[in-house]
Amino acid sequence: MYGIGVRPDQDEFVRACGEQGIAFVPFYAIAGDGRTAGTTGAGDEEVLAVARAHGVSTAQVRLAWTLHRGPHVLAIPGTGDPDHLAANVAAGALRLSEDELALLDSLHRRPR
């Protein structure tokens, strides 16, 4: 389990994987701390503001942030809905600004 606000203690491990050319596949990257129940915090309002700025969903922002962790991070969100699949693919093209990444990184590391 890894996403915004979930397991920031694993950041060094994720970085080390990238340095060694090892793929990292996080579970629940979109759902965040609520797992299958969805996110229950971790800066919901701030994530929503970033989503609104790009005209996308918060799930797409969460997925884009996860993918920005490095080319070795291979988030594979599950879906049985073709519309969700299209949104997940579109999230891969979402380019977050340095300021947005810094904000999302701070949410990720925020103590709960």
N, C-alpha and C. Protein backbone atom coordinates (compact mmCIF):
# COMPACT_ATOMS: atom_id res chain seq x y z
N MET A 1 0.85 -1.16 0.00
CA MET A 1 0.00 0.00 0.00
C MET A 1 0.90 1.23 0.00
N TYR A 2 0.70 2.11 -0.97
CA TYR A 2 1.54 3.31 -1.07
C TYR A 2 0.81 4.35 -1.91
N GLY A 3 0.72 5.56 -1.41
CA GLY A 3 0.09 6.67 -2.12
C GLY A 3 0.21 7.92 -1.28
N ILE A 4 -0.43 8.99 -1.69
CA ILE A 4 -0.35 10.24 -0.93
C ILE A 4 -0.84 10.00 0.49
N GLY A 5 0.03 10.26 1.44
CA GLY A 5 -0.31 10.11 2.85
C GLY A 5 -0.23 8.70 3.39
N VAL A 6 0.16 7.77 2.55
CA VAL A 6 0.21 6.36 2.97
C VAL A 6 1.64 5.86 2.88
N ARG A 7 2.17 5.47 4.00
CA ARG A 7 3.50 4.87 4.13
C ARG A 7 4.64 5.76 3.65
N PRO A 8 4.68 7.00 4.10
CA PRO A 8 5.82 7.85 3.72
C PRO A 8 7.14 7.29 4.23
N ASP A 9 7.07 6.41 5.22
CA ASP A 9 8.29 5.77 5.72
C ASP A 9 8.92 4.86 4.67
N GLN A 10 8.20 4.58 3.60
CA GLN A 10 8.72 3.73 2.53
C GLN A 10 9.36 4.51 1.38
N ASP A 11 9.40 5.85 1.49
CA ASP A 11 9.96 6.67 0.41
C ASP A 11 11.40 6.28 0.07
N GLU A 12 12.21 6.04 1.06
CA GLU A 12 13.61 5.66 0.81
C GLU A 12 13.68 4.32 0.07
N PHE A 13 12.83 3.40 0.45
CA PHE A 13 12.77 2.11 -0.24
C PHE A 13 12.38 2.30 -1.71
N VAL A 14 11.39 3.14 -1.95
CA VAL A 14 10.94 3.40 -3.32
C VAL A 14 12.09 4.02 -4.13
N ARG A 15 12.79 4.98 -3.53
CA ARG A 15 13.95 5.59 -4.20
C ARG A 15 15.04 4.55 -4.49
N ALA A 16 15.32 3.72 -3.50
CA ALA A 16 16.37 2.70 -3.66
C ALA A 16 16.00 1.73 -4.79
N CYS A 17 14.75 1.39 -4.91
CA CYS A 17 14.32 0.53 -6.01
C CYS A 17 14.67 1.18 -7.35
N GLY A 18 14.37 2.46 -7.48
CA GLY A 18 14.67 3.17 -8.71
C GLY A 18 16.16 3.21 -9.01
N GLU A 19 16.96 3.45 -7.99
CA GLU A 19 18.42 3.51 -8.16
C GLU A 19 18.99 2.17 -8.63
N GLN A 20 18.34 1.09 -8.25
CA GLN A 20 18.82 -0.24 -8.61
C GLN A 20 18.10 -0.83 -9.83
N GLY A 21 17.23 -0.02 -10.44
CA GLY A 21 16.51 -0.48 -11.63
C GLY A 21 15.45 -1.53 -11.33
N ILE A 22 14.91 -1.48 -10.12
CA ILE A 22 13.88 -2.44 -9.71
C ILE A 22 12.52 -1.75 -9.77
N ALA A 23 11.57 -2.40 -10.41
CA ALA A 23 10.21 -1.86 -10.50
C ALA A 23 9.54 -1.91 -9.13
N PHE A 24 8.72 -0.90 -8.85
CA PHE A 24 7.95 -0.85 -7.61
C PHE A 24 6.48 -0.73 -8.02
N VAL A 25 5.65 -1.64 -7.56
CA VAL A 25 4.23 -1.64 -7.91
C VAL A 25 3.42 -1.40 -6.64
N PRO A 26 2.94 -0.16 -6.43
CA PRO A 26 2.17 0.14 -5.22
C PRO A 26 0.72 -0.32 -5.34
N PHE A 27 0.18 -0.77 -4.25
CA PHE A 27 -1.23 -1.10 -4.17
C PHE A 27 -1.98 0.07 -3.57
N TYR A 28 -3.22 0.27 -3.97
CA TYR A 28 -4.10 1.30 -3.45
C TYR A 28 -3.54 2.71 -3.63
N ALA A 29 -2.87 2.97 -4.74
CA ALA A 29 -2.29 4.29 -5.01
C ALA A 29 -3.37 5.36 -5.15
N ILE A 30 -4.52 4.99 -5.63
CA ILE A 30 -5.60 5.96 -5.80
C ILE A 30 -6.41 6.09 -4.52
N ALA A 31 -6.72 4.98 -3.89
CA ALA A 31 -7.59 4.98 -2.73
C ALA A 31 -6.95 5.64 -1.52
N GLY A 32 -5.64 5.56 -1.43
CA GLY A 32 -4.96 6.15 -0.29
C GLY A 32 -5.19 5.38 0.98
N ASP A 33 -5.30 6.12 2.07
CA ASP A 33 -5.32 5.50 3.39
C ASP A 33 -6.58 4.70 3.69
N GLY A 34 -7.63 4.85 2.89
CA GLY A 34 -8.85 4.11 3.14
C GLY A 34 -8.93 2.79 2.39
N ARG A 35 -7.88 2.50 1.61
CA ARG A 35 -7.81 1.28 0.80
C ARG A 35 -9.05 1.16 -0.06
N THR A 36 -9.74 0.06 -0.02
CA THR A 36 -10.88 -0.15 -0.91
C THR A 36 -12.04 0.78 -0.61
N ALA A 37 -12.06 1.37 0.58
CA ALA A 37 -13.13 2.30 0.94
C ALA A 37 -12.87 3.70 0.40
N GLY A 38 -11.70 3.93 -0.17
CA GLY A 38 -11.34 5.25 -0.68
C GLY A 38 -10.57 6.05 0.33
N THR A 39 -10.15 7.22 -0.10
CA THR A 39 -9.35 8.07 0.77
C THR A 39 -10.19 8.61 1.93
N THR A 40 -9.57 8.77 3.07
CA THR A 40 -10.27 9.28 4.24
C THR A 40 -9.57 10.51 4.81
N GLY A 41 -8.72 11.13 4.02
CA GLY A 41 -8.00 12.29 4.52
C GLY A 41 -6.85 12.64 3.61
N ALA A 42 -5.65 12.74 4.19
CA ALA A 42 -4.42 13.04 3.46
C ALA A 42 -4.60 14.21 2.51
N GLY A 43 -5.12 15.31 3.04
CA GLY A 43 -5.21 16.53 2.25
C GLY A 43 -6.27 16.53 1.17
N ASP A 44 -7.40 15.94 1.47
CA ASP A 44 -8.45 15.85 0.45
C ASP A 44 -8.74 17.20 -0.21
N GLU A 45 -8.82 18.26 0.56
CA GLU A 45 -9.12 19.58 0.00
C GLU A 45 -8.00 20.07 -0.91
N GLU A 46 -6.76 19.85 -0.50
CA GLU A 46 -5.62 20.27 -1.31
C GLU A 46 -5.54 19.46 -2.60
N VAL A 47 -5.79 18.16 -2.50
CA VAL A 47 -5.78 17.31 -3.70
C VAL A 47 -6.90 17.75 -4.63
N LEU A 48 -8.06 18.08 -4.07
CA LEU A 48 -9.19 18.55 -4.86
C LEU A 48 -8.85 19.85 -5.59
N ALA A 49 -8.13 20.74 -4.93
CA ALA A 49 -7.74 22.01 -5.57
C ALA A 49 -6.82 21.75 -6.77
N VAL A 50 -5.89 20.83 -6.63
CA VAL A 50 -5.00 20.48 -7.76
C VAL A 50 -5.83 19.86 -8.88
N ALA A 51 -6.76 18.99 -8.52
CA ALA A 51 -7.61 18.34 -9.52
C ALA A 51 -8.43 19.38 -10.29
N ARG A 52 -9.00 20.32 -9.57
CA ARG A 52 -9.80 21.37 -10.23
C ARG A 52 -8.95 22.21 -11.17
N ALA A 53 -7.72 22.48 -10.77
CA ALA A 53 -6.82 23.30 -11.61
C ALA A 53 -6.54 22.62 -12.94
N HIS A 54 -6.59 21.29 -12.97
CA HIS A 54 -6.30 20.53 -14.18
C HIS A 54 -7.57 20.01 -14.86
N GLY A 55 -8.71 20.19 -14.21
CA GLY A 55 -9.96 19.67 -14.76
C GLY A 55 -10.03 18.16 -14.76
N VAL A 56 -9.47 17.55 -13.71
CA VAL A 56 -9.44 16.09 -13.59
C VAL A 56 -9.99 15.68 -12.22
N SER A 57 -10.07 14.40 -11.98
CA SER A 57 -10.55 13.90 -10.70
C SER A 57 -9.41 13.82 -9.68
N THR A 58 -9.77 13.71 -8.41
CA THR A 58 -8.75 13.54 -7.38
C THR A 58 -8.04 12.20 -7.56
N ALA A 59 -8.75 11.19 -8.03
CA ALA A 59 -8.11 9.89 -8.28
C ALA A 59 -7.02 10.04 -9.33
N GLN A 60 -7.27 10.85 -10.36
CA GLN A 60 -6.25 11.06 -11.39
C GLN A 60 -5.04 11.80 -10.83
N VAL A 61 -5.26 12.75 -9.94
CA VAL A 61 -4.14 13.47 -9.32
C VAL A 61 -3.34 12.51 -8.46
N ARG A 62 -4.02 11.68 -7.67
CA ARG A 62 -3.32 10.72 -6.82
C ARG A 62 -2.50 9.74 -7.65
N LEU A 63 -3.06 9.29 -8.76
CA LEU A 63 -2.34 8.38 -9.64
C LEU A 63 -1.16 9.08 -10.30
N ALA A 64 -1.37 10.31 -10.77
CA ALA A 64 -0.28 11.06 -11.40
C ALA A 64 0.86 11.30 -10.41
N TRP A 65 0.53 11.65 -9.16
CA TRP A 65 1.57 11.86 -8.16
C TRP A 65 2.37 10.58 -7.97
N THR A 66 1.68 9.45 -7.88
CA THR A 66 2.36 8.17 -7.70
C THR A 66 3.31 7.90 -8.86
N LEU A 67 2.85 8.15 -10.08
CA LEU A 67 3.68 7.92 -11.26
C LEU A 67 4.86 8.89 -11.32
N HIS A 68 4.70 10.08 -10.74
CA HIS A 68 5.80 11.05 -10.70
C HIS A 68 6.91 10.62 -9.74
N ARG A 69 6.69 9.58 -8.96
CA ARG A 69 7.73 9.11 -8.03
C ARG A 69 8.92 8.53 -8.78
N GLY A 70 8.74 8.20 -10.05
CA GLY A 70 9.85 7.72 -10.87
C GLY A 70 9.37 6.76 -11.94
N PRO A 71 10.19 6.59 -12.98
CA PRO A 71 9.78 5.70 -14.07
C PRO A 71 9.72 4.23 -13.65
N HIS A 72 10.29 3.90 -12.52
CA HIS A 72 10.25 2.53 -12.01
C HIS A 72 8.97 2.23 -11.23
N VAL A 73 8.16 3.28 -10.96
CA VAL A 73 6.92 3.10 -10.21
C VAL A 73 5.81 2.76 -11.20
N LEU A 74 5.25 1.59 -11.05
CA LEU A 74 4.26 1.08 -11.99
C LEU A 74 2.94 0.87 -11.29
N ALA A 75 2.20 1.95 -11.09
CA ALA A 75 0.90 1.86 -10.45
C ALA A 75 -0.07 1.19 -11.41
N ILE A 76 -0.78 0.21 -10.91
CA ILE A 76 -1.73 -0.54 -11.73
C ILE A 76 -3.08 -0.51 -11.01
N PRO A 77 -3.86 0.55 -11.22
CA PRO A 77 -5.16 0.61 -10.56
C PRO A 77 -6.14 -0.38 -11.20
N GLY A 78 -6.85 -1.08 -10.38
CA GLY A 78 -7.84 -2.01 -10.89
C GLY A 78 -9.15 -1.30 -11.21
N THR A 79 -9.81 -1.75 -12.23
CA THR A 79 -11.12 -1.21 -12.57
C THR A 79 -11.86 -2.19 -13.46
N GLY A 80 -13.16 -2.20 -13.31
CA GLY A 80 -14.01 -2.99 -14.19
C GLY A 80 -14.86 -2.09 -15.06
N ASP A 81 -14.59 -0.79 -14.98
CA ASP A 81 -15.38 0.21 -15.68
C ASP A 81 -14.54 0.85 -16.78
N PRO A 82 -14.99 0.77 -18.04
CA PRO A 82 -14.21 1.34 -19.15
C PRO A 82 -13.93 2.84 -19.00
N ASP A 83 -14.87 3.59 -18.40
CA ASP A 83 -14.64 5.01 -18.19
C ASP A 83 -13.52 5.25 -17.18
N HIS A 84 -13.50 4.45 -16.12
CA HIS A 84 -12.42 4.57 -15.14
C HIS A 84 -11.09 4.19 -15.76
N LEU A 85 -11.10 3.18 -16.61
CA LEU A 85 -9.87 2.78 -17.30
C LEU A 85 -9.33 3.93 -18.14
N ALA A 86 -10.21 4.59 -18.88
CA ALA A 86 -9.78 5.74 -19.71
C ALA A 86 -9.24 6.87 -18.83
N ALA A 87 -9.87 7.12 -17.69
CA ALA A 87 -9.39 8.16 -16.77
C ALA A 87 -8.03 7.79 -16.19
N ASN A 88 -7.84 6.51 -15.87
CA ASN A 88 -6.56 6.07 -15.32
C ASN A 88 -5.44 6.24 -16.35
N VAL A 89 -5.72 5.90 -17.59
CA VAL A 89 -4.72 6.07 -18.65
C VAL A 89 -4.41 7.56 -18.83
N ALA A 90 -5.44 8.40 -18.81
CA ALA A 90 -5.24 9.84 -18.96
C ALA A 90 -4.40 10.42 -17.83
N ALA A 91 -4.50 9.84 -16.64
CA ALA A 91 -3.71 10.32 -15.50
C ALA A 91 -2.22 10.17 -15.77
N GLY A 92 -1.85 9.21 -16.58
CA GLY A 92 -0.44 9.03 -16.92
C GLY A 92 0.13 10.19 -17.71
N ALA A 93 -0.74 10.94 -18.38
CA ALA A 93 -0.30 12.09 -19.17
C ALA A 93 -0.38 13.40 -18.38
N LEU A 94 -0.93 13.34 -17.18
CA LEU A 94 -1.09 14.55 -16.37
C LEU A 94 0.27 15.02 -15.87
N ARG A 95 0.63 16.23 -16.17
CA ARG A 95 1.91 16.80 -15.74
C ARG A 95 1.65 17.79 -14.61
N LEU A 96 2.11 17.42 -13.44
CA LEU A 96 1.96 18.27 -12.27
C LEU A 96 3.14 19.22 -12.21
N SER A 97 2.87 20.46 -11.80
CA SER A 97 3.93 21.45 -11.68
C SER A 97 4.81 21.13 -10.47
N GLU A 98 5.97 21.76 -10.43
CA GLU A 98 6.86 21.57 -9.27
C GLU A 98 6.17 22.00 -7.98
N ASP A 99 5.41 23.10 -8.03
CA ASP A 99 4.69 23.55 -6.84
C ASP A 99 3.62 22.55 -6.42
N GLU A 100 2.91 21.98 -7.40
CA GLU A 100 1.90 20.99 -7.08
C GLU A 100 2.54 19.73 -6.50
N LEU A 101 3.65 19.30 -7.09
CA LEU A 101 4.35 18.14 -6.55
C LEU A 101 4.83 18.39 -5.14
N ALA A 102 5.34 19.60 -4.88
CA ALA A 102 5.80 19.94 -3.53
C ALA A 102 4.63 19.91 -2.54
N LEU A 103 3.49 20.43 -2.95
CA LEU A 103 2.30 20.41 -2.08
C LEU A 103 1.88 18.97 -1.79
N LEU A 104 1.79 18.16 -2.83
CA LEU A 104 1.37 16.78 -2.66
C LEU A 104 2.39 15.98 -1.85
N ASP A 105 3.67 16.27 -2.06
CA ASP A 105 4.71 15.62 -1.25
C ASP A 105 4.56 15.98 0.22
N SER A 106 4.23 17.25 0.50
CA SER A 106 4.06 17.66 1.90
C SER A 106 2.84 16.97 2.51
N LEU A 107 1.79 16.76 1.72
CA LEU A 107 0.63 16.03 2.22
C LEU A 107 1.00 14.58 2.50
N HIS A 108 1.82 14.04 1.64
CA HIS A 108 2.26 12.65 1.80
C HIS A 108 3.01 12.46 3.12
N ARG A 109 3.83 13.45 3.46
CA ARG A 109 4.66 13.33 4.66
C ARG A 109 3.99 13.88 5.92
N ARG A 110 2.82 14.50 5.78
CA ARG A 110 2.14 15.12 6.93
C ARG A 110 1.80 14.05 7.96
N PRO A 111 2.18 14.30 9.22
CA PRO A 111 1.84 13.34 10.28
C PRO A 111 0.31 13.25 10.43
N ARG A 112 -0.12 12.04 10.69
CA ARG A 112 -1.57 11.84 10.88
C ARG A 112 -1.93 11.92 12.33
